[in-house]
Every structure is written in C-alpha cells, then in structure tokens.
Protein backbone atom coordinates (compact mmCIF):
# COMPACT_ATOMS: atom_id res chain seq x y z
CA UNK A 1 -189.86 57.67 -20.25
CA UNK A 2 -188.14 60.14 -21.61
CA UNK A 3 -184.70 61.20 -20.62
CA UNK A 4 -183.16 64.94 -20.44
CA UNK A 5 -178.97 64.61 -21.26
CA UNK A 6 -179.03 67.13 -18.44
CA UNK A 7 -177.98 64.97 -14.92
CA UNK A 8 -174.98 64.92 -12.46
CA UNK A 9 -173.92 62.01 -10.47
CA UNK A 10 -170.72 61.19 -8.14
CA UNK A 11 -170.01 58.86 -5.30
CA UNK A 12 -167.07 57.21 -3.02
CA UNK A 13 -164.75 53.93 -2.38
CA UNK A 14 -163.15 54.61 0.74
CA UNK A 15 -160.14 52.68 1.48
CA UNK A 16 -157.68 51.60 4.36
CA UNK A 17 -155.81 54.49 2.67
CA UNK A 18 -157.24 56.64 0.69
CA UNK A 19 -160.51 58.07 -0.62
CA UNK A 20 -161.81 56.74 -4.64
CA UNK A 21 -163.99 60.13 -5.64
CA UNK A 22 -165.73 59.59 -8.75
CA UNK A 23 -167.72 62.61 -10.71
CA UNK A 24 -169.40 62.75 -13.66
CA UNK A 25 -172.30 65.41 -15.14
CA UNK A 26 -173.17 65.99 -19.41
CA UNK A 27 -175.28 67.89 -21.05
CA UNK A 28 -177.44 67.96 -24.43
CA UNK A 29 -175.24 68.01 -27.65
CA UNK A 30 -176.31 66.14 -31.01
CA UNK A 31 -173.94 62.76 -30.47
CA UNK A 32 -171.39 61.38 -27.33
CA UNK A 33 -168.83 63.75 -26.08
CA UNK A 34 -166.63 61.85 -23.21
CA UNK A 35 -164.00 64.67 -21.78
CA UNK A 36 -162.55 62.40 -19.07
CA UNK A 37 -159.91 63.31 -15.82
CA UNK A 38 -158.67 59.60 -14.71
CA UNK A 39 -156.37 59.44 -11.61
CA UNK A 40 -152.86 58.10 -13.21
CA UNK A 41 -153.51 54.59 -11.29
CA UNK A 42 -156.69 54.03 -13.41
CA UNK A 43 -155.13 55.36 -16.39
CA UNK A 44 -155.63 51.60 -17.52
CA UNK A 45 -158.58 51.20 -17.13
CA UNK A 46 -159.67 54.55 -19.59
CA UNK A 47 -161.10 51.92 -22.35
CA UNK A 48 -163.42 50.71 -20.08
CA UNK A 49 -164.83 53.70 -18.49
CA UNK A 50 -165.21 55.29 -21.33
CA UNK A 51 -166.79 52.93 -23.28
CA UNK A 52 -169.25 52.12 -19.98
CA UNK A 53 -170.29 55.69 -19.94
CA UNK A 54 -170.98 55.71 -23.22
CA UNK A 55 -172.91 52.74 -23.44
CA UNK A 56 -174.93 53.59 -20.72
CA UNK A 57 -175.48 57.19 -21.76
CA UNK A 58 -176.14 57.07 -25.12
CA UNK A 59 -175.71 60.92 -25.86
CA UNK A 60 -174.62 63.67 -24.20
CA UNK A 61 -171.61 65.87 -23.18
CA UNK A 62 -169.86 64.41 -20.61
CA UNK A 63 -167.30 64.63 -17.91
CA UNK A 64 -165.73 62.29 -16.64
CA UNK A 65 -163.66 62.80 -12.71
CA UNK A 66 -161.94 59.56 -11.39
CA UNK A 67 -159.56 61.45 -8.64
CA UNK A 68 -158.10 59.98 -5.17
CA UNK A 69 -157.40 61.70 -2.21
CA UNK A 70 -154.73 60.54 0.26
CA UNK A 71 -155.81 59.80 3.77
CA UNK A 72 -152.53 60.41 5.60
CA UNK A 73 -152.02 60.87 9.56
CA UNK A 74 -151.77 63.64 11.28
CA UNK A 75 -148.36 62.80 12.62
CA UNK A 76 -147.16 60.62 9.29
CA UNK A 77 -143.91 62.54 8.05
CA UNK A 78 -143.95 63.27 4.95
CA UNK A 79 -142.34 59.99 2.54
CA UNK A 80 -139.37 61.46 0.84
CA UNK A 81 -138.23 59.68 -2.53
CA UNK A 82 -135.00 59.03 -2.35
CA UNK A 83 -134.08 57.47 -4.94
CA UNK A 84 -134.90 60.16 -7.21
CA UNK A 85 -133.04 62.08 -4.32
CA UNK A 86 -129.93 60.34 -4.70
CA UNK A 87 -129.97 60.42 -8.57
CA UNK A 88 -130.47 64.51 -8.39
CA UNK A 89 -127.36 64.72 -6.24
CA UNK A 90 -124.75 62.71 -8.72
CA UNK A 91 -126.46 64.93 -11.51
CA UNK A 92 -125.42 68.28 -9.11
CA UNK A 93 -122.49 66.55 -7.94
CA UNK A 94 -121.28 65.86 -11.72
CA UNK A 95 -122.13 69.36 -12.94
CA UNK A 96 -120.43 71.25 -10.11
CA UNK A 97 -117.31 69.25 -10.92
CA UNK A 98 -117.47 69.98 -13.89
CA UNK A 99 -117.95 73.42 -14.00
CA UNK A 100 -115.87 73.81 -10.85
CA UNK A 101 -119.02 75.23 -9.46
CA UNK A 102 -118.87 75.61 -5.18
CA UNK A 103 -122.06 73.37 -4.03
CA UNK A 104 -124.63 76.12 -1.91
CA UNK A 105 -124.25 75.19 1.42
CA UNK A 106 -127.99 74.43 1.70
CA UNK A 107 -127.43 71.99 -0.98
CA UNK A 108 -129.44 69.52 1.11
CA UNK A 109 -132.12 72.13 1.42
CA UNK A 110 -132.37 71.91 -2.52
CA UNK A 111 -132.50 68.70 -2.93
CA UNK A 112 -135.84 68.27 -1.29
CA UNK A 113 -137.09 71.47 -3.41
CA UNK A 114 -137.40 68.74 -6.33
CA UNK A 115 -139.74 67.98 -8.72
CA UNK A 116 -141.69 64.69 -7.30
CA UNK A 117 -138.83 64.66 -4.21
CA UNK A 118 -141.14 64.76 -1.38
CA UNK A 119 -143.57 61.94 -2.45
CA UNK A 120 -144.00 58.42 -2.94
CA UNK A 121 -142.92 56.97 -6.15
CA UNK A 122 -145.69 55.31 -7.80
CA UNK A 123 -144.86 51.57 -9.07
CA UNK A 124 -147.16 50.02 -6.96
CA UNK A 125 -149.73 48.27 -9.81
CA UNK A 126 -153.85 48.65 -9.07
CA UNK A 127 -154.90 45.39 -7.69
CA UNK A 128 -158.57 43.41 -8.30
CA UNK A 129 -159.63 44.28 -5.31
CA UNK A 130 -158.81 48.30 -5.22
CA UNK A 131 -160.50 48.43 -9.13
CA UNK A 132 -163.42 46.49 -7.80
CA UNK A 133 -164.27 48.99 -5.71
CA UNK A 134 -163.28 52.51 -7.97
CA UNK A 135 -165.48 50.46 -10.73
CA UNK A 136 -168.91 49.76 -8.34
CA UNK A 137 -167.78 53.73 -7.50
CA UNK A 138 -168.01 54.82 -11.19
CA UNK A 139 -171.57 52.51 -11.64
CA UNK A 140 -173.32 53.96 -9.00
CA UNK A 141 -172.05 57.35 -9.97
CA UNK A 142 -173.00 56.93 -13.28
CA UNK A 143 -176.63 55.08 -12.16
CA UNK A 144 -177.77 58.58 -9.54
CA UNK A 145 -176.47 60.53 -13.57
CA UNK A 146 -179.20 58.32 -14.99
CA UNK A 147 -181.30 59.05 -12.02
CA UNK A 148 -181.37 62.16 -12.62
CA UNK A 149 -182.10 62.54 -15.97
CA UNK A 150 -185.20 60.26 -15.75
CA UNK A 151 -186.34 62.69 -12.99
CA UNK A 152 -185.60 65.43 -15.70
CA UNK A 153 -186.83 63.60 -18.06
CA UNK A 154 -190.57 63.07 -16.96
CA UNK A 155 -190.45 67.21 -16.18
CA UNK A 156 -189.63 67.24 -19.64
CA UNK A 157 -192.93 65.43 -20.76
CA UNK A 158 -195.00 66.91 -18.52
CA UNK A 159 -194.46 70.32 -20.14
CA UNK A 160 -194.59 68.36 -23.82
CA UNK A 161 -197.72 67.30 -22.58
CA UNK A 162 -199.15 70.43 -22.00
CA UNK A 163 -197.57 72.31 -24.64
CA UNK A 164 -199.43 69.54 -27.04
CA UNK A 165 -202.08 70.05 -26.06
CA UNK A 166 -202.39 74.02 -26.44
CA UNK A 167 -201.40 73.59 -29.90
CA UNK A 168 -205.09 70.84 -30.32
CA UNK A 169 -206.42 73.34 -28.09
CA UNK A 170 -205.66 76.59 -30.45
CA UNK A 171 -206.18 74.60 -34.05
CA UNK A 172 -209.88 73.71 -32.96
CA UNK A 173 -210.15 77.32 -31.87
CA UNK A 174 -209.56 77.41 -36.07
CA UNK A 175 -212.81 76.20 -36.87
CA UNK A 176 -216.04 78.45 -36.19
CA UNK A 177 -213.42 81.47 -38.26
CA UNK A 178 -213.30 79.53 -40.67
CA UNK A 179 -216.79 79.95 -42.53
CA UNK A 180 -216.12 83.53 -41.30
CA UNK A 181 -213.23 83.83 -43.35
CA UNK A 182 -214.87 82.59 -46.39
CA UNK A 183 -218.50 85.30 -46.51
CA UNK A 184 -215.50 88.74 -45.70
CA UNK A 185 -213.24 87.14 -48.60
CA UNK A 186 -216.48 86.73 -51.36
CA UNK A 187 -218.35 90.47 -49.85
CA UNK A 188 -214.66 92.43 -50.10
CA UNK A 189 -214.36 91.26 -53.59
CA UNK A 190 -218.38 91.20 -54.47
CA UNK A 191 -217.84 95.20 -52.42
CA UNK A 192 -214.80 95.73 -54.65
CA UNK A 193 -216.42 95.22 -57.93
CA UNK A 194 -219.56 97.19 -57.24
CA UNK A 195 -218.15 100.27 -55.29
CA UNK A 196 -214.76 100.78 -56.40
CA UNK A 197 -214.64 99.31 -60.35
CA UNK A 198 -218.27 100.68 -60.52
CA UNK A 199 -218.80 97.45 -63.89
CA UNK A 200 -221.45 94.47 -64.49
CA UNK A 201 -219.79 91.36 -63.57
CA UNK A 202 -221.54 87.67 -64.47
CA UNK A 203 -222.40 86.03 -60.74
CA UNK A 204 -221.77 82.71 -62.66
CA UNK A 205 -218.36 83.08 -63.26
CA UNK A 206 -217.73 85.36 -60.35
CA UNK A 207 -219.21 81.86 -57.85
CA UNK A 208 -216.56 80.23 -60.02
CA UNK A 209 -213.37 81.83 -59.55
CA UNK A 210 -213.98 82.73 -56.04
CA UNK A 211 -214.40 78.90 -55.89
CA UNK A 212 -211.02 77.85 -57.16
CA UNK A 213 -209.84 81.21 -54.84
CA UNK A 214 -211.68 79.59 -52.16
CA UNK A 215 -210.78 76.16 -53.01
CA UNK A 216 -206.41 77.42 -53.00
CA UNK A 217 -207.23 78.45 -48.80
CA UNK A 218 -208.78 75.22 -47.85
CA UNK A 219 -206.51 75.02 -44.81
CA UNK A 220 -208.73 71.26 -44.08
CA UNK A 221 -205.66 69.83 -45.21
CA UNK A 222 -203.19 71.48 -43.44
CA UNK A 223 -205.36 71.17 -39.62
CA UNK A 224 -204.91 67.63 -40.55
CA UNK A 225 -202.01 66.25 -40.53
CA UNK A 226 -200.76 69.02 -38.43
CA UNK A 227 -203.43 66.70 -35.82
CA UNK A 228 -201.60 63.73 -36.99
CA UNK A 229 -198.27 65.50 -35.57
CA UNK A 230 -199.53 65.88 -32.57
CA UNK A 231 -200.34 62.48 -32.24
CA UNK A 232 -197.14 61.18 -33.65
CA UNK A 233 -195.35 63.49 -30.96
CA UNK A 234 -196.86 61.81 -27.80
CA UNK A 235 -197.48 58.63 -29.63
CA UNK A 236 -192.99 58.50 -29.85
CA UNK A 237 -192.36 60.30 -26.05
CA UNK A 238 -194.40 57.19 -25.18
CA UNK A 239 -192.01 54.65 -26.82
CA UNK A 240 -189.34 54.55 -25.15
CA UNK A 241 -186.31 56.70 -24.25
CA UNK A 242 -183.53 57.82 -27.12
CA UNK A 243 -186.27 60.23 -28.75
CA UNK A 244 -184.95 62.87 -29.00
CA UNK A 245 -184.10 63.86 -32.18
CA UNK A 246 -187.64 61.53 -34.08
CA UNK A 247 -189.09 64.10 -31.34
CA UNK A 248 -187.03 66.39 -33.56
CA UNK A 249 -187.82 66.28 -36.64
CA UNK A 250 -191.73 66.00 -35.75
CA UNK A 251 -191.48 69.51 -35.09
CA UNK A 252 -190.20 71.07 -37.89
CA UNK A 253 -192.86 69.18 -39.96
CA UNK A 254 -195.40 70.35 -37.27
CA UNK A 255 -193.63 74.32 -38.06
CA UNK A 256 -194.85 73.58 -41.65
CA UNK A 257 -198.52 73.06 -41.25
CA UNK A 258 -198.75 75.80 -38.55
CA UNK A 259 -196.49 78.22 -41.28
CA UNK A 260 -199.15 77.24 -44.38
CA UNK A 261 -202.55 77.86 -41.62
CA UNK A 262 -200.27 80.87 -41.10
CA UNK A 263 -200.57 81.69 -44.89
CA UNK A 264 -203.48 80.92 -45.51
CA UNK A 265 -205.57 82.27 -42.95
CA UNK A 266 -206.07 85.48 -44.80
CA UNK A 267 -207.93 86.28 -41.36
CA UNK A 268 -207.13 88.63 -38.54
CA UNK A 269 -208.39 86.02 -36.08
CA UNK A 270 -207.07 83.44 -37.35
CA UNK A 271 -203.52 84.91 -37.39
CA UNK A 272 -203.52 85.29 -33.89
CA UNK A 273 -203.79 82.08 -33.27
CA UNK A 274 -201.16 80.81 -35.80
CA UNK A 275 -198.84 83.17 -33.56
CA UNK A 276 -200.72 81.54 -30.06
CA UNK A 277 -198.91 77.82 -31.92
CA UNK A 278 -196.24 79.21 -32.27
CA UNK A 279 -195.26 80.35 -29.50
CA UNK A 280 -195.98 76.75 -28.36
CA UNK A 281 -194.37 74.63 -30.60
CA UNK A 282 -190.77 77.29 -30.20
CA UNK A 283 -191.07 76.22 -25.79
CA UNK A 284 -191.38 72.66 -27.48
CA UNK A 285 -188.29 73.10 -29.85
CA UNK A 286 -186.05 74.50 -26.94
CA UNK A 287 -186.40 71.32 -24.67
CA UNK A 288 -186.64 68.85 -27.45
CA UNK A 289 -182.76 69.78 -28.11
CA UNK A 290 -182.17 68.45 -24.73
CA UNK A 291 -184.14 65.15 -24.76
CA UNK A 292 -181.80 61.92 -24.96
C-alpha cells in the first residue's frame, strides 16, 4: 500500500508534576526535511528523536514539536530562584557603590522583575523513567502520523486506479478512428491532385508514397507502449510504499506517448481524445507529488 506524505500525529504523557506533549506533521517534499522544536530538558535526546523520525517517515517536510506543561496547584506560589536573586543583588549593589548611584526604594521589586528570577533552576537531569514515558509519546505520535498517511495513501490509490482506467478506456476509443483517418488522408491527397492541381499522376507511385506517409503516422507502437506504462503504473502501486519517485518517472513516460499520439493523430476526434488523456494524466501528476 502506498502512503501519502501528508500526515498529522499527536500524543501526550502524564507525569505527577508535568504533561509532555508531542506533535508531528508532514507535507510533501523530495527528501526528508525535518524541523524539530524540543523542550530544553530533552535536548540531549534530540539526535535519537531525529533518527527515529527519519527512519520511520523516510520523506517529507516534517515539523516535530515536544513541549512540557507544568502542573501547578491553585494555591502554589510561583517559585523564586534565590541564587539568581543573590547574584543580581551583588551586581546591583556593586554598580551602585562604584558609580555612586543611590538604590531605589523599590529595589526588591526591581530584582523580582529581572529575567528568570521567578522560575525554578533547570538543573535536574532527565531521569530514565521520564524519558521512557516521553519516548513512548514520541513513538505514539509518529504512529498516528503513519496511520494518517496510510489512510491518505488508500484514497490516493483509489484515485490513481480511476484515472488510469479512464486513460485506458480513452486509448481503446482511438481504434475506431484509425482506419477512418487513413481513408480521409488518402481522399484529401487525391482530391488535391485531381481537383485543385488538376494534374495526371502515377497511381502506383501515389500508393507507394501514401504507404510511406501513413507509416509515419502509424500509432500502434505508441498505443502499445502507453498500454504497458499503464499496467506498470498499477503494478508499481501494488509493490509497496516508497514508490512516489518511481510513479513520477512512469507518468513522464506516459506523457511522452500521449504527446506523440497527439502529434500523429491528424484527426479531430482523436485530438479530442488525446486532450482528455492529458487532462487525466495531469491530475495523476499533481497527486503523485504527494506519494512517499
């Protein structure tokens, strides 16, 4: 089953004093383009997280986020970083003495407003237990994204099968016009010789020239190759995931054969059919870009 490169996954892990949130989303890209925003306490695990995301998702423009929400009871006071307050106080008093500047009457309020004073010092190491729970959340979020990709991939596969079937039917509808086209070409040339130019001509030589001309307009090889490309596209769909680039190459080959059919058709109805084929193929090309 093919997978789309579009997906979204989210998971959480609950600890006594915090909630770990993991969110991951992806869009189509030619290669793996991973952007990660990770809470400071988990930065030491960033490489491990990146390797896991890259290994599982393979391709896509991926945004990964891991953040922590602290649980605080309603009557809990905001923690004050005492060591940082002491450091700020020493620096302020030293500057005051050196420059002869009088300390303001509300100097303590000023201290409390300085950066990082009203937070806990993040010196606690990440425990194995906490990382185990966070890692499970990471795996769960990735799993949800993969499930999303598979659902999108199933929808894409149905659309591809429909479009390939449409092109096959259009290709088959060309056949009735082929003999009619040749007869019209022959009639047009002979009419031009007899009525417009009004000259005598060697009918045997004309037949030889017509055969040569019609052989150049023969589309049997193009029809056969296009039919083979249509079958190859379906077999590639069924061969597993990670086939996006291959499907893209096949659509390019299909486009070449359809364009050649158009240039050789020399018939109004066949030209209309070719235009319809191109329309179906363009819709396939647009969606193939989203296949992993």
